Amino acid sequence: MNLVEATEEAFEAATHLTDADAGAKAALLALARKIDAWDVIVDWAFEDASEDDSRPKVPANDNVSISAYLKGCDQLGLTPAGRAALSKGAAPAAPKASSKMATLTALQGGKSA
C-alpha cells in the first residue's frame, strides 16, 4: 500500500473528520502524492546507478515532507497523539510563533505573542 492509499484509508476510518476538514485533507493527500512520487524517483536513481556502478544521482534530498505529513496527520487526529488530544477535547498544540514573527505581527498592528 502506498502513502496515498494509506492516507485515504485513514480518512475513511476517521469518523470525526467533517466537510470543514476538506482543505486539510486535500493538502495532506497532495503531500502524500509528493512523498510517493519521491520514492519512485529515488528508485529510478538507484537503478540508473546500478547499471554503471556509480553513486545514485538523486535530486536534492527532501528532509521535510515526512515530518510535515506527520504533523498534518497529528492535527487531523490521525496519529495516536492527535487522537489523544481530540479525546481530551483539545486541539493538538500549534507551534509557537518565533520572537521575530511576534515582532512582525506587532509592527503590523496585531498583538504580539
Protein backbone atom coordinates (compact mmCIF):
# COMPACT_ATOMS: atom_id res chain seq x y z
CA MET A 1 0.00 0.00 0.00
CA ASN A 2 1.40 3.42 -0.87
CA LEU A 3 1.08 6.53 1.27
CA VAL A 4 -1.83 7.99 -0.73
CA GLU A 5 -3.83 4.78 -0.27
CA ALA A 6 -2.95 4.63 3.43
CA THR A 7 -3.99 8.27 3.86
CA GLU A 8 -7.32 7.71 2.12
CA GLU A 9 -7.90 4.65 4.31
CA ALA A 10 -7.15 6.72 7.43
CA PHE A 11 -9.64 9.38 6.28
CA GLU A 12 -12.34 6.73 5.87
CA ALA A 13 -11.68 5.40 9.37
CA ALA A 14 -11.60 8.88 10.96
CA THR A 15 -15.26 9.45 11.73
CA HIS A 16 -14.50 12.75 13.46
CA LEU A 17 -13.49 14.48 10.20
CA THR A 18 -16.13 16.69 8.59
CA ASP A 19 -16.53 18.76 5.42
CA ALA A 20 -14.77 21.56 7.30
CA ASP A 21 -11.60 19.46 7.12
CA ALA A 22 -11.67 19.17 3.30
CA GLY A 23 -8.83 21.61 2.72
CA ALA A 24 -6.55 19.99 5.28
CA LYS A 25 -7.36 16.56 3.87
CA ALA A 26 -6.58 17.74 0.32
CA ALA A 27 -3.28 19.25 1.47
CA LEU A 28 -2.33 16.04 3.25
CA LEU A 29 -3.19 13.98 0.15
CA ALA A 30 -1.11 16.30 -2.04
CA LEU A 31 1.83 15.82 0.31
CA ALA A 32 1.29 12.05 0.30
CA ARG A 33 1.39 12.10 -3.53
CA LYS A 34 4.65 14.08 -3.41
CA ILE A 35 6.21 11.59 -0.99
CA ASP A 36 5.09 8.62 -3.10
CA ALA A 37 6.49 10.26 -6.25
CA TRP A 38 9.79 10.98 -4.48
CA ASP A 39 10.13 7.30 -3.61
CA VAL A 40 9.78 6.41 -7.30
CA ILE A 41 12.42 8.98 -8.28
CA VAL A 42 14.83 7.55 -5.71
CA ASP A 43 14.20 4.01 -7.03
CA TRP A 44 14.98 5.19 -10.57
CA ALA A 45 18.19 6.84 -9.39
CA PHE A 46 19.32 3.61 -7.70
CA GLU A 47 18.50 1.63 -10.85
CA ASP A 48 20.48 4.05 -13.02
CA ALA A 49 23.44 3.88 -10.65
CA SER A 50 23.43 0.09 -10.57
CA GLU A 51 23.77 -0.04 -14.37
CA ASP A 52 27.20 1.61 -14.33
CA ASP A 53 28.30 1.02 -10.72
CA SER A 54 28.13 4.71 -9.88
CA ARG A 55 26.71 6.55 -6.93
CA PRO A 56 22.96 7.23 -7.27
CA LYS A 57 22.26 10.66 -8.71
CA VAL A 58 19.31 11.63 -6.54
CA PRO A 59 18.00 15.19 -6.69
CA ALA A 60 18.31 17.36 -3.58
CA ASN A 61 17.15 15.37 -0.57
CA ASP A 62 13.69 16.01 0.76
CA ASN A 63 14.04 16.10 4.53
CA VAL A 64 10.82 17.93 5.39
CA SER A 65 7.93 16.16 3.66
CA ILE A 66 7.66 13.23 6.06
CA SER A 67 7.69 15.45 9.15
CA ALA A 68 5.18 17.84 7.54
CA TYR A 69 2.98 14.87 6.64
CA LEU A 70 3.09 13.52 10.20
CA LYS A 71 2.35 16.98 11.60
CA GLY A 72 -0.70 17.19 9.33
CA CYS A 73 -1.82 13.74 10.45
CA ASP A 74 -1.41 14.81 14.05
CA GLN A 75 -3.51 17.94 13.50
CA LEU A 76 -6.30 15.88 11.91
CA GLY A 77 -6.26 13.36 14.75
CA LEU A 78 -4.86 10.56 12.60
CA THR A 79 -1.99 9.67 14.93
CA PRO A 80 -2.13 8.27 18.47
CA ALA A 81 -1.06 11.67 19.90
CA GLY A 82 -3.58 13.50 17.73
CA ARG A 83 -6.40 11.15 18.77
CA ALA A 84 -5.42 11.52 22.43
CA ALA A 85 -5.61 15.32 22.12
CA LEU A 86 -9.01 15.07 20.45
CA SER A 87 -10.35 12.72 23.11
CA LYS A 88 -9.34 15.25 25.77
CA GLY A 89 -11.23 17.93 23.87
CA ALA A 90 -8.11 19.87 22.97
CA ALA A 91 -6.69 20.56 19.56
CA PRO A 92 -3.13 19.33 19.05
CA ALA A 93 -0.68 22.04 20.05
CA ALA A 94 0.25 24.50 17.34
CA PRO A 95 3.85 25.62 17.14
CA LYS A 96 4.61 28.86 18.97
CA ALA A 97 5.45 31.91 16.91
CA SER A 98 9.07 32.93 16.92
CA SER A 99 10.04 36.21 18.53
CA LYS A 100 10.71 37.62 15.04
CA MET A 101 7.19 36.64 13.99
CA ALA A 102 5.73 38.18 17.14
CA THR A 103 7.64 41.40 16.43
CA LEU A 104 6.40 41.44 12.84
CA THR A 105 2.83 40.92 14.00
CA ALA A 106 3.18 43.77 16.50
CA LEU A 107 4.61 46.05 13.82
CA GLN A 108 1.69 45.23 11.54
CA GLY A 109 -0.75 46.36 14.21
CA GLY A 110 -1.59 42.94 15.63
CA LYS A 111 -0.93 41.69 19.12
CA SER A 112 2.40 40.17 19.90
CA ALA A 113 2.52 36.52 21.06
